[in-house]
Amino acid sequence: MYLEGPASREVREFLSSHPAPNPSQVQKGTLWPREKIFHIPLDTDVMNDLAQMAERRAEPELCSHLVVYEGGTVLLSAYDFLEEVRIADTVQEARVAEFALALGCEYGKVDT
């Protein structure tokens, strides 16, 4: 997973301590000013710790842009994190529906 621009020092330190073994190239969401960029593994323990940090922080403290990828394929992207989340067509709609339900939000298909 790629996270760009975390405002919290504690979050940056946490992300720095959990680097992804084989990060992929991801399009930056902010060209200027340069944001701190982190690639972390989608490991259960790392995600649980990050979720606990998220519960007590505002979104900009975590990141301004987020991308979940596998190899060179983007599965989920959220640039300007509060706006919208885009999920690749390769992800089964049933999984998207389950994800939206867990988050308490709606989803819809958008032509790009």
PDB file of N, CA and C in Angstrom:
ATOM      1  N   MET A   1       0.841  -1.162   0.000  1.00  0.00           N
ATOM      2  CA  MET A   1       0.000   0.000   0.000  1.00  0.00           C
ATOM      3  C   MET A   1       0.894   1.234   0.000  1.00  0.00           C
ATOM      4  N   TYR A   2       0.471   2.244  -0.717  1.00  0.00           N
ATOM      5  CA  TYR A   2       1.190   3.509  -0.860  1.00  0.00           C
ATOM      6  C   TYR A   2       0.427   4.582  -0.100  1.00  0.00           C
ATOM      7  N   LEU A   3       1.115   5.313   0.763  1.00  0.00           N
ATOM      8  CA  LEU A   3       0.519   6.441   1.478  1.00  0.00           C
ATOM      9  C   LEU A   3       1.394   7.660   1.239  1.00  0.00           C
ATOM     10  N   GLU A   4       0.755   8.754   0.927  1.00  0.00           N
ATOM     11  CA  GLU A   4       1.468   9.997   0.643  1.00  0.00           C
ATOM     12  C   GLU A   4       0.982  11.081   1.595  1.00  0.00           C
ATOM     13  N   GLY A   5       1.924  11.812   2.152  1.00  0.00           N
ATOM     14  CA  GLY A   5       1.605  13.010   2.906  1.00  0.00           C
ATOM     15  C   GLY A   5       1.048  12.877   4.297  1.00  0.00           C
ATOM     16  N   PRO A   6       1.433  11.865   5.089  1.00  0.00           N
ATOM     17  CA  PRO A   6       0.910  11.834   6.461  1.00  0.00           C
ATOM     18  C   PRO A   6       1.420  13.035   7.256  1.00  0.00           C
ATOM     19  N   ALA A   7       0.521  13.711   7.951  1.00  0.00           N
ATOM     20  CA  ALA A   7       0.888  14.904   8.709  1.00  0.00           C
ATOM     21  C   ALA A   7       1.423  14.576  10.097  1.00  0.00           C
ATOM     22  N   SER A   8       1.031  13.449  10.628  1.00  0.00           N
ATOM     23  CA  SER A   8       1.433  13.078  11.993  1.00  0.00           C
ATOM     24  C   SER A   8       2.842  12.477  12.014  1.00  0.00           C
ATOM     25  N   ARG A   9       3.682  12.996  12.892  1.00  0.00           N
ATOM     26  CA  ARG A   9       5.035  12.459  13.050  1.00  0.00           C
ATOM     27  C   ARG A   9       4.982  10.998  13.494  1.00  0.00           C
ATOM     28  N   GLU A  10       4.065  10.680  14.396  1.00  0.00           N
ATOM     29  CA  GLU A  10       3.937   9.303  14.878  1.00  0.00           C
ATOM     30  C   GLU A  10       3.559   8.354  13.735  1.00  0.00           C
ATOM     31  N   VAL A  11       2.668   8.787  12.869  1.00  0.00           N
ATOM     32  CA  VAL A  11       2.267   7.964  11.721  1.00  0.00           C
ATOM     33  C   VAL A  11       3.450   7.789  10.774  1.00  0.00           C
ATOM     34  N   ARG A  12       4.187   8.862  10.493  1.00  0.00           N
ATOM     35  CA  ARG A  12       5.367   8.755   9.618  1.00  0.00           C
ATOM     36  C   ARG A  12       6.389   7.779  10.188  1.00  0.00           C
ATOM     37  N   GLU A  13       6.619   7.849  11.491  1.00  0.00           N
ATOM     38  CA  GLU A  13       7.571   6.930  12.125  1.00  0.00           C
ATOM     39  C   GLU A  13       7.087   5.481  12.026  1.00  0.00           C
ATOM     40  N   PHE A  14       5.796   5.281  12.229  1.00  0.00           N
ATOM     41  CA  PHE A  14       5.229   3.938  12.117  1.00  0.00           C
ATOM     42  C   PHE A  14       5.389   3.403  10.693  1.00  0.00           C
ATOM     43  N   LEU A  15       5.028   4.222   9.704  1.00  0.00           N
ATOM     44  CA  LEU A  15       5.123   3.792   8.311  1.00  0.00           C
ATOM     45  C   LEU A  15       6.574   3.517   7.919  1.00  0.00           C
ATOM     46  N   SER A  16       7.489   4.346   8.396  1.00  0.00           N
ATOM     47  CA  SER A  16       8.919   4.141   8.102  1.00  0.00           C
ATOM     48  C   SER A  16       9.426   2.817   8.654  1.00  0.00           C
ATOM     49  N   SER A  17       8.850   2.387   9.757  1.00  0.00           N
ATOM     50  CA  SER A  17       9.318   1.152  10.395  1.00  0.00           C
ATOM     51  C   SER A  17       8.705  -0.113   9.778  1.00  0.00           C
ATOM     52  N   HIS A  18       7.828   0.051   8.782  1.00  0.00           N
ATOM     53  CA  HIS A  18       7.180  -1.093   8.126  1.00  0.00           C
ATOM     54  C   HIS A  18       7.254  -0.966   6.602  1.00  0.00           C
ATOM     55  N   PRO A  19       8.446  -0.924   6.033  1.00  0.00           N
ATOM     56  CA  PRO A  19       8.544  -0.751   4.579  1.00  0.00           C
ATOM     57  C   PRO A  19       8.103  -1.994   3.800  1.00  0.00           C
ATOM     58  N   ALA A  20       7.473  -1.768   2.662  1.00  0.00           N
ATOM     59  CA  ALA A  20       7.096  -2.877   1.771  1.00  0.00           C
ATOM     60  C   ALA A  20       8.363  -3.457   1.156  1.00  0.00           C
ATOM     61  N   PRO A  21       8.433  -4.774   0.997  1.00  0.00           N
ATOM     62  CA  PRO A  21       9.640  -5.400   0.458  1.00  0.00           C
ATOM     63  C   PRO A  21       9.894  -5.078  -1.016  1.00  0.00           C
ATOM     64  N   ASN A  22       8.844  -4.957  -1.817  1.00  0.00           N
ATOM     65  CA  ASN A  22       8.992  -4.707  -3.256  1.00  0.00           C
ATOM     66  C   ASN A  22       8.012  -3.635  -3.715  1.00  0.00           C
ATOM     67  N   PRO A  23       8.264  -2.365  -3.389  1.00  0.00           N
ATOM     68  CA  PRO A  23       7.301  -1.333  -3.761  1.00  0.00           C
ATOM     69  C   PRO A  23       7.216  -1.125  -5.274  1.00  0.00           C
ATOM     70  N   SER A  24       6.020  -0.807  -5.737  1.00  0.00           N
ATOM     71  CA  SER A  24       5.804  -0.494  -7.148  1.00  0.00           C
ATOM     72  C   SER A  24       5.815   1.014  -7.343  1.00  0.00           C
ATOM     73  N   GLN A  25       6.020   1.421  -8.567  1.00  0.00           N
ATOM     74  CA  GLN A  25       5.957   2.837  -8.912  1.00  0.00           C
ATOM     75  C   GLN A  25       4.496   3.266  -8.883  1.00  0.00           C
ATOM     76  N   VAL A  26       4.177   4.353  -8.186  1.00  0.00           N
ATOM     77  CA  VAL A  26       2.813   4.855  -8.068  1.00  0.00           C
ATOM     78  C   VAL A  26       2.814   6.325  -8.435  1.00  0.00           C
ATOM     79  N   GLN A  27       1.781   6.741  -9.166  1.00  0.00           N
ATOM     80  CA  GLN A  27       1.666   8.150  -9.551  1.00  0.00           C
ATOM     81  C   GLN A  27       1.433   9.014  -8.314  1.00  0.00           C
ATOM     82  N   LYS A  28       2.254  10.027  -8.141  1.00  0.00           N
ATOM     83  CA  LYS A  28       2.129  10.922  -6.996  1.00  0.00           C
ATOM     84  C   LYS A  28       0.850  11.742  -7.111  1.00  0.00           C
ATOM     85  N   GLY A  29       0.262  12.028  -5.964  1.00  0.00           N
ATOM     86  CA  GLY A  29      -0.934  12.855  -5.945  1.00  0.00           C
ATOM     87  C   GLY A  29      -0.610  14.333  -5.837  1.00  0.00           C
ATOM     88  N   THR A  30       0.537  14.655  -5.257  1.00  0.00           N
ATOM     89  CA  THR A  30       0.963  16.038  -5.083  1.00  0.00           C
ATOM     90  C   THR A  30       2.372  16.183  -5.632  1.00  0.00           C
ATOM     91  N   LEU A  31       2.539  17.076  -6.611  1.00  0.00           N
ATOM     92  CA  LEU A  31       3.867  17.298  -7.166  1.00  0.00           C
ATOM     93  C   LEU A  31       4.655  18.313  -6.340  1.00  0.00           C
ATOM     94  N   TRP A  32       3.951  19.332  -5.842  1.00  0.00           N
ATOM     95  CA  TRP A  32       4.603  20.344  -5.023  1.00  0.00           C
ATOM     96  C   TRP A  32       3.643  20.838  -3.979  1.00  0.00           C
ATOM     97  N   PRO A  33       3.976  20.986  -2.769  1.00  0.00           N
ATOM     98  CA  PRO A  33       5.292  20.647  -2.222  1.00  0.00           C
ATOM     99  C   PRO A  33       5.467  19.135  -2.151  1.00  0.00           C
ATOM    100  N   ARG A  34       6.698  18.696  -2.093  1.00  0.00           N
ATOM    101  CA  ARG A  34       6.972  17.260  -2.025  1.00  0.00           C
ATOM    102  C   ARG A  34       6.444  16.691  -0.722  1.00  0.00           C
ATOM    103  N   GLU A  35       5.670  15.658  -0.853  1.00  0.00           N
ATOM    104  CA  GLU A  35       5.102  14.978   0.318  1.00  0.00           C
ATOM    105  C   GLU A  35       5.966  13.766   0.664  1.00  0.00           C
ATOM    106  N   LYS A  36       5.948  13.385   1.911  1.00  0.00           N
ATOM    107  CA  LYS A  36       6.591  12.135   2.322  1.00  0.00           C
ATOM    108  C   LYS A  36       5.783  10.985   1.727  1.00  0.00           C
ATOM    109  N   ILE A  37       6.478   9.971   1.245  1.00  0.00           N
ATOM    110  CA  ILE A  37       5.842   8.825   0.592  1.00  0.00           C
ATOM    111  C   ILE A  37       6.280   7.549   1.301  1.00  0.00           C
ATOM    112  N   PHE A  38       5.315   6.656   1.508  1.00  0.00           N
ATOM    113  CA  PHE A  38       5.592   5.387   2.182  1.00  0.00           C
ATOM    114  C   PHE A  38       4.889   4.257   1.441  1.00  0.00           C
ATOM    115  N   HIS A  39       5.562   3.136   1.326  1.00  0.00           N
ATOM    116  CA  HIS A  39       4.992   1.897   0.811  1.00  0.00           C
ATOM    117  C   HIS A  39       5.069   0.903   1.965  1.00  0.00           C
ATOM    118  N   ILE A  40       3.919   0.347   2.331  1.00  0.00           N
ATOM    119  CA  ILE A  40       3.895  -0.632   3.422  1.00  0.00           C
ATOM    120  C   ILE A  40       3.186  -1.897   2.942  1.00  0.00           C
ATOM    121  N   PRO A  41       3.479  -3.024   3.559  1.00  0.00           N
ATOM    122  CA  PRO A  41       2.801  -4.269   3.171  1.00  0.00           C
ATOM    123  C   PRO A  41       1.378  -4.304   3.725  1.00  0.00           C
ATOM    124  N   LEU A  42       0.497  -4.988   3.019  1.00  0.00           N
ATOM    125  CA  LEU A  42      -0.869  -5.193   3.510  1.00  0.00           C
ATOM    126  C   LEU A  42      -0.878  -6.421   4.418  1.00  0.00           C
ATOM    127  N   ASP A  43      -0.109  -6.326   5.447  1.00  0.00           N
ATOM    128  CA  ASP A  43       0.043  -7.370   6.444  1.00  0.00           C
ATOM    129  C   ASP A  43      -1.017  -7.146   7.528  1.00  0.00           C
ATOM    130  N   THR A  44      -1.623  -8.200   8.032  1.00  0.00           N
ATOM    131  CA  THR A  44      -2.691  -8.087   9.032  1.00  0.00           C
ATOM    132  C   THR A  44      -2.250  -7.286  10.250  1.00  0.00           C
ATOM    133  N   ASP A  45      -1.080  -7.573  10.780  1.00  0.00           N
ATOM    134  CA  ASP A  45      -0.615  -6.864  11.973  1.00  0.00           C
ATOM    135  C   ASP A  45      -0.391  -5.379  11.683  1.00  0.00           C
ATOM    136  N   VAL A  46       0.231  -5.075  10.557  1.00  0.00           N
ATOM    137  CA  VAL A  46       0.486  -3.678  10.192  1.00  0.00           C
ATOM    138  C   VAL A  46      -0.834  -2.939   9.995  1.00  0.00           C
ATOM    139  N   MET A  47      -1.791  -3.569   9.306  1.00  0.00           N
ATOM    140  CA  MET A  47      -3.082  -2.922   9.063  1.00  0.00           C
ATOM    141  C   MET A  47      -3.860  -2.722  10.364  1.00  0.00           C
ATOM    142  N   ASN A  48      -3.800  -3.688  11.263  1.00  0.00           N
ATOM    143  CA  ASN A  48      -4.471  -3.531  12.566  1.00  0.00           C
ATOM    144  C   ASN A  48      -3.877  -2.369  13.356  1.00  0.00           C
ATOM    145  N   ASP A  49      -2.552  -2.275  13.364  1.00  0.00           N
ATOM    146  CA  ASP A  49      -1.895  -1.169  14.074  1.00  0.00           C
ATOM    147  C   ASP A  49      -2.246   0.173  13.428  1.00  0.00           C
ATOM    148  N   LEU A  50      -2.259   0.212  12.103  1.00  0.00           N
ATOM    149  CA  LEU A  50      -2.611   1.445  11.400  1.00  0.00           C
ATOM    150  C   LEU A  50      -4.073   1.824  11.663  1.00  0.00           C
ATOM    151  N   ALA A  51      -4.952   0.840  11.706  1.00  0.00           N
ATOM    152  CA  ALA A  51      -6.369   1.100  11.995  1.00  0.00           C
ATOM    153  C   ALA A  51      -6.540   1.676  13.400  1.00  0.00           C
ATOM    154  N   GLN A  52      -5.782   1.169  14.350  1.00  0.00           N
ATOM    155  CA  GLN A  52      -5.848   1.707  15.716  1.00  0.00           C
ATOM    156  C   GLN A  52      -5.373   3.159  15.753  1.00  0.00           C
ATOM    157  N   MET A  53      -4.340   3.464  14.981  1.00  0.00           N
ATOM    158  CA  MET A  53      -3.859   4.847  14.914  1.00  0.00           C
ATOM    159  C   MET A  53      -4.912   5.738  14.262  1.00  0.00           C
ATOM    160  N   ALA A  54      -5.598   5.214  13.265  1.00  0.00           N
ATOM    161  CA  ALA A  54      -6.599   5.987  12.539  1.00  0.00           C
ATOM    162  C   ALA A  54      -7.793   6.350  13.404  1.00  0.00           C
ATOM    163  N   GLU A  55      -8.114   5.500  14.358  1.00  0.00           N
ATOM    164  CA  GLU A  55      -9.270   5.743  15.217  1.00  0.00           C
ATOM    165  C   GLU A  55      -9.136   7.010  16.050  1.00  0.00           C
ATOM    166  N   ARG A  56      -7.924   7.441  16.301  1.00  0.00           N
ATOM    167  CA  ARG A  56      -7.742   8.619  17.151  1.00  0.00           C
ATOM    168  C   ARG A  56      -7.099   9.796  16.409  1.00  0.00           C
ATOM    169  N   ARG A  57      -7.233   9.798  15.078  1.00  0.00           N
ATOM    170  CA  ARG A  57      -6.641  10.863  14.275  1.00  0.00           C
ATOM    171  C   ARG A  57      -7.587  11.321  13.172  1.00  0.00           C
ATOM    172  N   ALA A  58      -7.395  12.564  12.752  1.00  0.00           N
ATOM    173  CA  ALA A  58      -8.094  13.081  11.585  1.00  0.00           C
ATOM    174  C   ALA A  58      -7.419  12.509  10.334  1.00  0.00           C
ATOM    175  N   GLU A  59      -8.162  12.417   9.236  1.00  0.00           N
ATOM    176  CA  GLU A  59      -7.652  11.804   8.010  1.00  0.00           C
ATOM    177  C   GLU A  59      -6.326  12.389   7.530  1.00  0.00           C
ATOM    178  N   PRO A  60      -6.149  13.730   7.515  1.00  0.00           N
ATOM    179  CA  PRO A  60      -4.870  14.267   7.015  1.00  0.00           C
ATOM    180  C   PRO A  60      -3.653  13.842   7.834  1.00  0.00           C
ATOM    181  N   GLU A  61      -3.878  13.427   9.065  1.00  0.00           N
ATOM    182  CA  GLU A  61      -2.754  12.947   9.862  1.00  0.00           C
ATOM    183  C   GLU A  61      -2.245  11.611   9.342  1.00  0.00           C
ATOM    184  N   LEU A  62      -3.129  10.851   8.662  1.00  0.00           N
ATOM    185  CA  LEU A  62      -2.750   9.542   8.123  1.00  0.00           C
ATOM    186  C   LEU A  62      -2.150   9.656   6.733  1.00  0.00           C
ATOM    187  N   CYS A  63      -2.833  10.393   5.853  1.00  0.00           N
ATOM    188  CA  CYS A  63      -2.327  10.569   4.493  1.00  0.00           C
ATOM    189  C   CYS A  63      -3.254  11.504   3.723  1.00  0.00           C
ATOM    190  N   SER A  64      -2.712  12.036   2.635  1.00  0.00           N
ATOM    191  CA  SER A  64      -3.544  12.812   1.728  1.00  0.00           C
ATOM    192  C   SER A  64      -3.931  11.975   0.511  1.00  0.00           C
ATOM    193  N   HIS A  65      -3.095  11.005   0.179  1.00  0.00           N
ATOM    194  CA  HIS A  65      -3.360  10.120  -0.957  1.00  0.00           C
ATOM    195  C   HIS A  65      -3.007   8.685  -0.562  1.00  0.00           C
ATOM    196  N   LEU A  66      -3.829   7.741  -1.029  1.00  0.00           N
ATOM    197  CA  LEU A  66      -3.648   6.337  -0.677  1.00  0.00           C
ATOM    198  C   LEU A  66      -3.873   5.491  -1.923  1.00  0.00           C
ATOM    199  N   VAL A  67      -3.018   4.517  -2.146  1.00  0.00           N
ATOM    200  CA  VAL A  67      -3.158   3.595  -3.274  1.00  0.00           C
ATOM    201  C   VAL A  67      -2.858   2.185  -2.774  1.00  0.00           C
ATOM    202  N   VAL A  68      -3.739   1.252  -3.091  1.00  0.00           N
ATOM    203  CA  VAL A  68      -3.493  -0.160  -2.820  1.00  0.00           C
ATOM    204  C   VAL A  68      -3.185  -0.806  -4.162  1.00  0.00           C
ATOM    205  N   TYR A  69      -2.086  -1.511  -4.222  1.00  0.00           N
ATOM    206  CA  TYR A  69      -1.680  -2.114  -5.484  1.00  0.00           C
ATOM    207  C   TYR A  69      -1.161  -3.521  -5.249  1.00  0.00           C
ATOM    208  N   GLU A  70      -1.159  -4.270  -6.337  1.00  0.00           N
ATOM    209  CA  GLU A  70      -0.554  -5.602  -6.326  1.00  0.00           C
ATOM    210  C   GLU A  70       0.323  -5.680  -7.558  1.00  0.00           C
ATOM    211  N   GLY A  71       1.627  -5.785  -7.334  1.00  0.00           N
ATOM    212  CA  GLY A  71       2.548  -5.686  -8.463  1.00  0.00           C
ATOM    213  C   GLY A  71       2.418  -4.295  -9.060  1.00  0.00           C
ATOM    214  N   GLY A  72       2.196  -4.210 -10.344  1.00  0.00           N
ATOM    215  CA  GLY A  72       2.023  -2.921 -11.006  1.00  0.00           C
ATOM    216  C   GLY A  72       0.572  -2.551 -11.225  1.00  0.00           C
ATOM    217  N   THR A  73      -0.364  -3.304 -10.643  1.00  0.00           N
ATOM    218  CA  THR A  73      -1.791  -3.062 -10.851  1.00  0.00           C
ATOM    219  C   THR A  73      -2.401  -2.327  -9.668  1.00  0.00           C
ATOM    220  N   VAL A  74      -3.024  -1.191  -9.938  1.00  0.00           N
ATOM    221  CA  VAL A  74      -3.710  -0.433  -8.888  1.00  0.00           C
ATOM    222  C   VAL A  74      -5.074  -1.068  -8.649  1.00  0.00           C
ATOM    223  N   LEU A  75      -5.339  -1.439  -7.400  1.00  0.00           N
ATOM    224  CA  LEU A  75      -6.614  -2.048  -7.033  1.00  0.00           C
ATOM    225  C   LEU A  75      -7.576  -1.031  -6.431  1.00  0.00           C
ATOM    226  N   LEU A  76      -7.031  -0.052  -5.718  1.00  0.00           N
ATOM    227  CA  LEU A  76      -7.847   0.957  -5.055  1.00  0.00           C
ATOM    228  C   LEU A  76      -7.020   2.230  -4.975  1.00  0.00           C
ATOM    229  N   SER A  77      -7.648   3.365  -5.271  1.00  0.00           N
ATOM    230  CA  SER A  77      -6.941   4.643  -5.133  1.00  0.00           C
ATOM    231  C   SER A  77      -7.860   5.673  -4.507  1.00  0.00           C
ATOM    232  N   ALA A  78      -7.269   6.496  -3.682  1.00  0.00           N
ATOM    233  CA  ALA A  78      -8.009   7.574  -3.029  1.00  0.00           C
ATOM    234  C   ALA A  78      -7.095   8.791  -2.999  1.00  0.00           C
ATOM    235  N   TYR A  79      -7.145   9.561  -4.077  1.00  0.00           N
ATOM    236  CA  TYR A  79      -6.396  10.807  -4.135  1.00  0.00           C
ATOM    237  C   TYR A  79      -7.278  11.876  -3.523  1.00  0.00           C
ATOM    238  N   ASP A  80      -6.676  12.779  -2.768  1.00  0.00           N
ATOM    239  CA  ASP A  80      -7.443  13.736  -1.972  1.00  0.00           C
ATOM    240  C   ASP A  80      -8.444  12.936  -1.160  1.00  0.00           C
ATOM    241  N   PHE A  81      -7.905  12.176  -0.265  1.00  0.00           N
ATOM    242  CA  PHE A  81      -8.519  11.094   0.489  1.00  0.00           C
ATOM    243  C   PHE A  81      -9.996  11.270   0.851  1.00  0.00           C
ATOM    244  N   LEU A  82     -10.434  12.467   1.105  1.00  0.00           N
ATOM    245  CA  LEU A  82     -11.821  12.653   1.537  1.00  0.00           C
ATOM    246  C   LEU A  82     -12.812  12.708   0.381  1.00  0.00           C
ATOM    247  N   GLU A  83     -12.346  12.803  -0.845  1.00  0.00           N
ATOM    248  CA  GLU A  83     -13.238  12.964  -1.987  1.00  0.00           C
ATOM    249  C   GLU A  83     -13.942  11.658  -2.384  1.00  0.00           C
ATOM    250  N   GLU A  84     -13.202  10.757  -2.957  1.00  0.00           N
ATOM    251  CA  GLU A  84     -13.778   9.487  -3.398  1.00  0.00           C
ATOM    252  C   GLU A  84     -12.706   8.420  -3.458  1.00  0.00           C
ATOM    253  N   VAL A  85     -13.160   7.193  -3.436  1.00  0.00           N
ATOM    254  CA  VAL A  85     -12.271   6.045  -3.547  1.00  0.00           C
ATOM    255  C   VAL A  85     -12.621   5.334  -4.841  1.00  0.00           C
ATOM    256  N   ARG A  86     -11.621   5.036  -5.627  1.00  0.00           N
ATOM    257  CA  ARG A  86     -11.832   4.306  -6.882  1.00  0.00           C
ATOM    258  C   ARG A  86     -11.275   2.897  -6.724  1.00  0.00           C
ATOM    259  N   ILE A  87     -12.061   1.940  -7.163  1.00  0.00           N
ATOM    260  CA  ILE A  87     -11.669   0.540  -7.064  1.00  0.00           C
ATOM    261  C   ILE A  87     -11.641  -0.037  -8.476  1.00  0.00           C
ATOM    262  N   ALA A  88     -10.614  -0.784  -8.781  1.00  0.00           N
ATOM    263  CA  ALA A  88     -10.423  -1.344 -10.117  1.00  0.00           C
ATOM    264  C   ALA A  88     -11.563  -2.270 -10.503  1.00  0.00           C
ATOM    265  N   ASP A  89     -11.870  -2.300 -11.796  1.00  0.00           N
ATOM    266  CA  ASP A  89     -12.907  -3.198 -12.322  1.00  0.00           C
ATOM    267  C   ASP A  89     -12.566  -4.663 -12.103  1.00  0.00           C
ATOM    268  N   THR A  90     -11.311  -4.955 -11.868  1.00  0.00           N
ATOM    269  CA  THR A  90     -10.891  -6.347 -11.671  1.00  0.00           C
ATOM    270  C   THR A  90     -11.298  -6.887 -10.300  1.00  0.00           C
ATOM    271  N   VAL A  91     -11.695  -5.999  -9.391  1.00  0.00           N
ATOM    272  CA  VAL A  91     -12.151  -6.428  -8.062  1.00  0.00           C
ATOM    273  C   VAL A  91     -13.627  -6.797  -8.171  1.00  0.00           C
ATOM    274  N   GLN A  92     -13.990  -7.966  -7.700  1.00  0.00           N
ATOM    275  CA  GLN A  92     -15.366  -8.444  -7.799  1.00  0.00           C
ATOM    276  C   GLN A  92     -16.328  -7.499  -7.088  1.00  0.00           C
ATOM    277  N   GLU A  93     -17.474  -7.246  -7.730  1.00  0.00           N
ATOM    278  CA  GLU A  93     -18.447  -6.316  -7.168  1.00  0.00           C
ATOM    279  C   GLU A  93     -18.938  -6.769  -5.794  1.00  0.00           C
ATOM    280  N   ALA A  94     -19.045  -8.054  -5.573  1.00  0.00           N
ATOM    281  CA  ALA A  94     -19.481  -8.550  -4.265  1.00  0.00           C
ATOM    282  C   ALA A  94     -18.497  -8.115  -3.169  1.00  0.00           C
ATOM    283  N   ARG A  95     -17.215  -8.109  -3.490  1.00  0.00           N
ATOM    284  CA  ARG A  95     -16.214  -7.663  -2.511  1.00  0.00           C
ATOM    285  C   ARG A  95     -16.312  -6.163  -2.277  1.00  0.00           C
ATOM    286  N   VAL A  96     -16.604  -5.412  -3.353  1.00  0.00           N
ATOM    287  CA  VAL A  96     -16.778  -3.964  -3.222  1.00  0.00           C
ATOM    288  C   VAL A  96     -17.998  -3.680  -2.349  1.00  0.00           C
ATOM    289  N   ALA A  97     -19.087  -4.400  -2.570  1.00  0.00           N
ATOM    290  CA  ALA A  97     -20.303  -4.217  -1.773  1.00  0.00           C
ATOM    291  C   ALA A  97     -20.039  -4.529  -0.303  1.00  0.00           C
ATOM    292  N   GLU A  98     -19.303  -5.586  -0.048  1.00  0.00           N
ATOM    293  CA  GLU A  98     -18.959  -5.969   1.328  1.00  0.00           C
ATOM    294  C   GLU A  98     -18.094  -4.883   1.986  1.00  0.00           C
ATOM    295  N   PHE A  99     -17.145  -4.352   1.237  1.00  0.00           N
ATOM    296  CA  PHE A  99     -16.259  -3.301   1.718  1.00  0.00           C
ATOM    297  C   PHE A  99     -17.070  -2.038   2.042  1.00  0.00           C
ATOM    298  N   ALA A 100     -17.965  -1.648   1.132  1.00  0.00           N
ATOM    299  CA  ALA A 100     -18.800  -0.459   1.345  1.00  0.00           C
ATOM    300  C   ALA A 100     -19.696  -0.633   2.569  1.00  0.00           C
ATOM    301  N   LEU A 101     -20.249  -1.816   2.734  1.00  0.00           N
ATOM    302  CA  LEU A 101     -21.097  -2.094   3.892  1.00  0.00           C
ATOM    303  C   LEU A 101     -20.294  -1.969   5.192  1.00  0.00           C
ATOM    304  N   ALA A 102     -19.092  -2.507   5.190  1.00  0.00           N
ATOM    305  CA  ALA A 102     -18.240  -2.438   6.385  1.00  0.00           C
ATOM    306  C   ALA A 102     -17.886  -0.995   6.733  1.00  0.00           C
ATOM    307  N   LEU A 103     -17.756  -0.150   5.711  1.00  0.00           N
ATOM    308  CA  LEU A 103     -17.424   1.253   5.929  1.00  0.00           C
ATOM    309  C   LEU A 103     -18.652   2.119   6.176  1.00  0.00           C
ATOM    310  N   GLY A 104     -19.827   1.553   5.912  1.00  0.00           N
ATOM    311  CA  GLY A 104     -21.056   2.325   6.086  1.00  0.00           C
ATOM    312  C   GLY A 104     -21.241   3.378   5.007  1.00  0.00           C
ATOM    313  N   CYS A 105     -20.851   3.036   3.786  1.00  0.00           N
ATOM    314  CA  CYS A 105     -20.983   3.998   2.693  1.00  0.00           C
ATOM    315  C   CYS A 105     -21.615   3.324   1.475  1.00  0.00           C
ATOM    316  N   GLU A 106     -21.947   4.136   0.498  1.00  0.00           N
ATOM    317  CA  GLU A 106     -22.530   3.634  -0.749  1.00  0.00           C
ATOM    318  C   GLU A 106     -21.440   3.527  -1.804  1.00  0.00           C
ATOM    319  N   TYR A 107     -21.733   2.753  -2.823  1.00  0.00           N
ATOM    320  CA  TYR A 107     -20.801   2.661  -3.940  1.00  0.00           C
ATOM    321  C   TYR A 107     -21.601   2.665  -5.229  1.00  0.00           C
ATOM    322  N   GLY A 108     -20.938   2.990  -6.303  1.00  0.00           N
ATOM    323  CA  GLY A 108     -21.565   2.977  -7.613  1.00  0.00           C
ATOM    324  C   GLY A 108     -20.486   2.864  -8.673  1.00  0.00           C
ATOM    325  N   LYS A 109     -20.890   2.397  -9.835  1.00  0.00           N
ATOM    326  CA  LYS A 109     -19.962   2.239 -10.927  1.00  0.00           C
ATOM    327  C   LYS A 109     -19.895   3.542 -11.703  1.00  0.00           C
ATOM    328  N   VAL A 110     -18.679   3.960 -12.033  1.00  0.00           N
ATOM    329  CA  VAL A 110     -18.460   5.210 -12.748  1.00  0.00           C
ATOM    330  C   VAL A 110     -17.709   4.896 -14.030  1.00  0.00           C
ATOM    331  N   ASP A 111     -18.178   5.460 -15.128  1.00  0.00           N
ATOM    332  CA  ASP A 111     -17.435   5.304 -16.391  1.00  0.00           C
ATOM    333  C   ASP A 111     -16.245   6.236 -16.363  1.00  0.00           C
ATOM    334  N   THR A 112     -15.083   5.710 -16.769  1.00  0.00           N
ATOM    335  CA  THR A 112     -13.877   6.543 -16.779  1.00  0.00           C
ATOM    336  C   THR A 112     -13.388   6.781 -18.163  1.00  0.00           C
TER     337      THR A 112
END
